[in-house]
Amino acid sequence: MVSGHAVTNIFYILRRQVGGEAARELLSRLLHHLQVANVTDEVIRAALQSPMADFEDAVTSEAANAAGVEVIVTRNTPDFLASVIPALLPEEFLAMPLE
């Protein structure tokens, strides 16, 4: 899963690299492999109450929690120390045994 607000960030980064049309195509292809976790009113309100310092990270954490996600994969695990969902580095996630 990917947090709803991350989709716009991914598009913005892609658009700067490859242009708008290609960015839409790449994002569409990516979303064939991912579901989007909802960023709802409830998620935003929970993030506002979160002890996490970074609001965007708090939204990610709360969206993951609402979606029943087991782990958050990020390059910035220190910002997720107060998250209700544990955070792993990408290489840690890839090293996990498949269930």
Protein backbone atom coordinates (compact mmCIF):
# COMPACT_ATOMS: atom_id res chain seq x y z
CA MET A 1 0.00 0.00 0.00
CA VAL A 2 0.95 3.60 -0.41
CA SER A 3 -0.53 6.50 1.50
CA GLY A 4 -2.95 8.62 -0.50
CA HIS A 5 -0.95 11.80 -0.07
CA ALA A 6 2.21 10.04 -1.26
CA VAL A 7 0.64 9.49 -4.68
CA THR A 8 0.69 13.21 -5.42
CA ASN A 9 4.30 13.44 -4.23
CA ILE A 10 5.29 10.53 -6.48
CA PHE A 11 3.56 12.18 -9.43
CA TYR A 12 5.27 15.52 -8.76
CA ILE A 13 8.73 13.88 -8.64
CA LEU A 14 8.05 11.83 -11.78
CA ARG A 15 6.68 14.85 -13.66
CA ARG A 16 9.86 16.80 -13.00
CA GLN A 17 11.95 13.89 -14.30
CA VAL A 18 9.96 12.60 -17.29
CA GLY A 19 7.14 15.06 -18.01
CA GLY A 20 3.43 15.01 -17.23
CA GLU A 21 2.20 12.39 -19.71
CA ALA A 22 4.96 9.90 -18.91
CA ALA A 23 4.47 10.53 -15.18
CA ARG A 24 0.79 9.64 -15.46
CA GLU A 25 1.62 6.45 -17.35
CA LEU A 26 4.30 5.40 -14.85
CA LEU A 27 2.07 6.17 -11.87
CA SER A 28 -0.76 4.20 -13.45
CA ARG A 29 1.57 1.23 -13.94
CA LEU A 30 2.80 1.50 -10.34
CA LEU A 31 -0.75 1.54 -9.02
CA HIS A 32 -1.43 -1.78 -10.74
CA HIS A 33 0.82 -3.24 -8.01
CA LEU A 34 -0.26 -1.14 -5.04
CA GLN A 35 -3.41 -0.12 -3.23
CA VAL A 36 -3.87 3.41 -1.95
CA ALA A 37 -4.44 3.77 1.79
CA ASN A 38 -7.17 6.31 2.43
CA VAL A 39 -6.33 9.62 4.04
CA THR A 40 -9.64 10.38 5.69
CA ASP A 41 -10.88 12.95 8.14
CA GLU A 42 -10.33 10.39 10.89
CA VAL A 43 -6.75 9.75 9.75
CA ILE A 44 -5.94 13.48 9.68
CA ARG A 45 -7.45 14.04 13.13
CA ALA A 46 -5.48 11.11 14.55
CA ALA A 47 -2.30 12.45 12.94
CA LEU A 48 -2.89 15.82 14.58
CA GLN A 49 -2.95 14.07 17.95
CA SER A 50 0.09 11.91 17.18
CA PRO A 51 3.32 12.31 19.16
CA MET A 52 5.22 12.15 15.87
CA ALA A 53 7.04 15.41 15.12
CA ASP A 54 6.59 15.37 11.33
CA PHE A 55 2.93 15.77 10.36
CA GLU A 56 3.29 14.10 6.95
CA ASP A 57 4.90 11.08 8.61
CA ALA A 58 2.11 11.05 11.21
CA VAL A 59 -0.46 10.98 8.39
CA THR A 60 1.41 8.07 6.80
CA SER A 61 1.47 6.22 10.11
CA GLU A 62 -2.21 6.78 10.81
CA ALA A 63 -3.23 5.84 7.25
CA ALA A 64 -1.21 2.64 7.62
CA ASN A 65 -2.85 1.93 10.95
CA ALA A 66 -6.35 2.51 9.57
CA ALA A 67 -5.58 0.20 6.62
CA GLY A 68 -4.29 -2.57 8.90
CA VAL A 69 -0.77 -2.43 7.49
CA GLU A 70 1.85 -4.41 9.44
CA VAL A 71 4.96 -2.34 8.63
CA ILE A 72 5.90 0.97 7.02
CA VAL A 73 8.78 0.83 4.55
CA THR A 74 10.79 4.05 4.50
CA ARG A 75 14.31 5.35 4.10
CA ASN A 76 13.72 7.49 7.18
CA THR A 77 12.99 5.10 10.05
CA PRO A 78 14.07 7.52 12.83
CA ASP A 79 11.07 9.75 12.07
CA PHE A 80 8.75 6.78 12.71
CA LEU A 81 10.01 5.84 16.19
CA ALA A 82 6.74 7.07 17.74
CA SER A 83 4.60 5.43 15.04
CA VAL A 84 1.99 2.88 16.07
CA ILE A 85 3.17 0.85 13.05
CA PRO A 86 6.85 -0.23 13.03
CA ALA A 87 9.02 1.18 10.25
CA LEU A 88 11.66 -0.74 8.32
CA LEU A 89 14.31 0.23 5.82
CA PRO A 90 13.64 -1.11 2.30
CA GLU A 91 16.50 -3.61 2.58
CA GLU A 92 15.16 -4.84 5.94
CA PHE A 93 11.72 -5.34 4.40
CA LEU A 94 13.14 -7.23 1.41
CA ALA A 95 15.12 -9.49 3.75
CA MET A 96 11.98 -10.53 5.66
CA PRO A 97 10.90 -14.13 5.08
CA LEU A 98 7.74 -14.59 3.03
CA GLU A 99 4.81 -16.02 4.95
